[in-house]
Amino acid sequence: MKIEKMIQEEVLSLENSDITVKQHKAICDKINTRFYYIVQQIFKANSCKMSWCDFDNEGGNERSPGSFDIARYKEDIGFTGESARDSHWLNYYSDSFPTRWLWEDFELELKTEIAKEKEAEAAAKQKIKDQKVAKNQIRHEMIATINAKLSDDERKWFNKNLRKAK
């Protein structure tokens, strides 16, 4: 279920010292709802099921939960959490997301960024694989060159000892 985005001015009004306690609580409740929705979407986009999440200023136990702090989270909102299964999801939006996501549609940006990260990760893995293939090819060429220069007896000794070294 999609959670309605907020209004930017509403979030920024938390900086106003004239805001009432009731207004502050109502806005923070909306922020909390949107926060949990966004973090849930981050987990979901990375094929993970969220066990729990909280603002990263939480105290480390259920008696001291985190809370939205407009001064601290002006640009990015930090979070902590855990998925139901072990995954490398933390590579993508590992511990924060842009504060503007509270009032903007973020889903496409999230999917795009994750896709870019996954492509970069796949490219890095392919590069390592290609380097291994190239290294192996050079090794085989060197062995062929060496073999071409050896006598039959030297080649037999070399091949026998080479197998032992593997």
Protein backbone atom coordinates (compact mmCIF):
# COMPACT_ATOMS: atom_id res chain seq x y z
CA MET A 1 0.00 0.00 0.00
CA LYS A 2 1.45 3.34 -1.06
CA ILE A 3 1.73 5.93 1.70
CA GLU A 4 0.86 9.48 0.71
CA LYS A 5 3.81 11.81 0.32
CA MET A 6 4.06 14.79 2.60
CA ILE A 7 4.22 18.49 1.85
CA GLN A 8 7.72 19.96 2.03
CA GLU A 9 6.59 23.01 4.01
CA GLU A 10 4.97 20.72 6.55
CA VAL A 11 8.27 18.92 7.21
CA LEU A 12 10.27 22.16 7.28
CA SER A 13 7.76 23.72 9.70
CA LEU A 14 9.38 21.60 12.42
CA GLU A 15 12.20 24.19 12.41
CA ASN A 16 9.69 26.85 13.46
CA SER A 17 9.78 27.46 17.22
CA ASP A 18 6.17 28.71 17.13
CA ILE A 19 4.78 25.30 16.20
CA THR A 20 2.47 23.80 18.82
CA VAL A 21 3.18 20.49 20.50
CA LYS A 22 0.04 19.05 18.89
CA GLN A 23 1.13 20.17 15.40
CA HIS A 24 4.65 18.86 16.01
CA LYS A 25 3.33 15.45 17.07
CA ALA A 26 0.95 15.25 14.10
CA ILE A 27 3.75 16.07 11.62
CA CYS A 28 6.17 13.62 13.29
CA ASP A 29 3.50 10.91 13.10
CA LYS A 30 3.17 11.54 9.35
CA ILE A 31 6.95 11.53 8.97
CA ASN A 32 7.21 8.23 10.85
CA THR A 33 4.58 6.64 8.60
CA ARG A 34 6.32 7.88 5.45
CA PHE A 35 9.75 6.91 6.86
CA TYR A 36 8.70 3.31 7.47
CA TYR A 37 7.12 3.14 4.02
CA ILE A 38 10.30 4.41 2.34
CA VAL A 39 12.60 2.04 4.23
CA GLN A 40 10.23 -0.83 3.49
CA GLN A 41 10.42 0.05 -0.22
CA ILE A 42 14.23 0.13 -0.04
CA PHE A 43 14.23 -3.37 1.44
CA LYS A 44 11.63 -4.57 -1.06
CA ALA A 45 13.51 -3.12 -4.05
CA ASN A 46 16.52 -5.14 -2.92
CA SER A 47 14.48 -8.35 -2.61
CA CYS A 48 14.60 -8.35 1.18
CA LYS A 49 11.88 -8.59 3.76
CA MET A 50 12.32 -6.09 6.56
CA SER A 51 12.40 -7.47 10.09
CA TRP A 52 12.62 -4.01 11.66
CA CYS A 53 13.89 -0.49 11.05
CA ASP A 54 14.32 2.75 12.94
CA PHE A 55 15.94 6.16 12.63
CA ASP A 56 19.69 5.84 13.13
CA ASN A 57 19.59 7.92 16.31
CA GLU A 58 17.88 5.07 18.18
CA GLY A 59 19.35 3.97 21.46
CA GLY A 60 19.99 0.35 20.61
CA ASN A 61 16.93 -1.19 22.24
CA GLU A 62 13.15 -1.06 22.04
CA ARG A 63 12.93 1.27 25.06
CA SER A 64 14.82 4.04 23.28
CA PRO A 65 13.51 4.27 19.72
CA GLY A 66 14.84 6.77 17.22
CA SER A 67 12.95 9.87 16.16
CA PHE A 68 12.95 12.39 13.35
CA ASP A 69 15.27 15.31 14.04
CA ILE A 70 14.91 18.14 11.47
CA ALA A 71 18.36 19.56 12.30
CA ARG A 72 20.10 16.20 11.92
CA TYR A 73 18.12 14.99 8.93
CA LYS A 74 18.05 18.15 6.83
CA GLU A 75 19.64 16.46 3.76
CA ASP A 76 19.51 12.72 4.46
CA ILE A 77 17.58 10.55 6.89
CA GLY A 78 19.71 7.89 8.48
CA PHE A 79 18.20 4.55 9.35
CA THR A 80 19.14 1.22 10.74
CA GLY A 81 17.37 -2.06 10.22
CA GLU A 82 17.55 -5.74 9.58
CA SER A 83 16.25 -8.01 6.88
CA ALA A 84 14.71 -11.41 7.46
CA ARG A 85 17.43 -13.04 5.36
CA ASP A 86 21.09 -12.35 4.94
CA SER A 87 21.65 -10.22 1.87
CA HIS A 88 23.99 -7.64 0.40
CA TRP A 89 21.15 -5.10 0.17
CA LEU A 90 23.15 -2.66 2.24
CA ASN A 91 25.17 -1.79 -0.87
CA TYR A 92 22.22 0.25 -2.10
CA TYR A 93 20.91 3.04 0.15
CA SER A 94 22.72 1.33 2.97
CA ASP A 95 21.94 3.62 5.82
CA SER A 96 20.22 6.75 4.56
CA PHE A 97 17.96 8.22 1.92
CA PRO A 98 17.35 11.81 0.80
CA THR A 99 15.03 13.75 3.12
CA ARG A 100 13.23 15.05 0.04
CA TRP A 101 11.76 11.57 -0.40
CA LEU A 102 9.33 12.48 2.38
CA TRP A 103 7.60 14.87 -0.03
CA GLU A 104 8.62 13.49 -3.43
CA ASP A 105 7.76 10.38 -5.41
CA PHE A 106 10.94 8.38 -4.97
CA GLU A 107 10.14 4.91 -6.29
CA LEU A 108 11.52 5.42 -9.81
CA GLU A 109 14.70 7.05 -8.49
CA LEU A 110 15.19 4.17 -6.06
CA LYS A 111 14.74 1.54 -8.77
CA THR A 112 17.05 3.42 -11.14
CA GLU A 113 19.81 3.81 -8.55
CA ILE A 114 19.60 0.17 -7.52
CA ALA A 115 19.70 -0.92 -11.17
CA LYS A 116 22.80 1.26 -11.73
CA GLU A 117 24.49 -0.21 -8.66
CA LYS A 118 23.66 -3.76 -9.72
CA GLU A 119 24.96 -3.07 -13.24
CA ALA A 120 28.18 -1.64 -11.79
CA GLU A 121 28.51 -4.67 -9.52
CA ALA A 122 27.94 -7.04 -12.45
CA ALA A 123 30.47 -5.11 -14.56
CA ALA A 124 33.04 -5.33 -11.75
CA LYS A 125 32.47 -9.09 -11.45
CA GLN A 126 32.78 -9.47 -15.24
CA LYS A 127 36.01 -7.45 -15.20
CA ILE A 128 37.48 -9.78 -12.55
CA LYS A 129 36.36 -12.78 -14.59
CA ASP A 130 37.89 -11.32 -17.77
CA GLN A 131 41.15 -10.61 -15.92
CA LYS A 132 41.30 -14.22 -14.74
CA VAL A 133 40.71 -15.47 -18.29
CA ALA A 134 43.40 -13.13 -19.66
CA LYS A 135 45.84 -14.18 -16.93
CA ASN A 136 45.16 -17.85 -17.66
CA GLN A 137 45.63 -17.26 -21.39
CA ILE A 138 48.98 -15.54 -20.81
CA ARG A 139 50.01 -18.43 -18.57
CA HIS A 140 49.14 -20.97 -21.26
CA GLU A 141 51.00 -18.95 -23.91
CA MET A 142 54.07 -18.78 -21.67
CA ILE A 143 53.95 -22.53 -21.08
CA ALA A 144 53.62 -23.13 -24.85
CA THR A 145 56.59 -20.86 -25.51
CA ILE A 146 58.66 -22.62 -22.86
CA ASN A 147 57.62 -26.04 -24.17
CA ALA A 148 58.66 -25.06 -27.69
CA LYS A 149 62.18 -24.34 -26.45
CA LEU A 150 62.60 -27.54 -24.43
CA SER A 151 63.91 -30.89 -25.49
CA ASP A 152 61.64 -33.93 -25.15
CA ASP A 153 63.25 -34.96 -21.84
CA GLU A 154 63.06 -31.43 -20.45
CA ARG A 155 59.40 -31.14 -21.54
CA LYS A 156 58.51 -34.46 -19.82
CA TRP A 157 60.22 -33.32 -16.60
CA PHE A 158 58.57 -29.88 -16.78
CA ASN A 159 55.08 -31.30 -17.39
CA LYS A 160 55.49 -33.88 -14.59
CA ASN A 161 56.63 -31.29 -12.06
CA LEU A 162 54.08 -28.71 -13.25
CA ARG A 163 51.22 -31.13 -12.46
CA LYS A 164 52.63 -31.67 -8.96
CA ALA A 165 52.76 -27.92 -8.39
CA LYS A 166 49.05 -27.50 -9.15
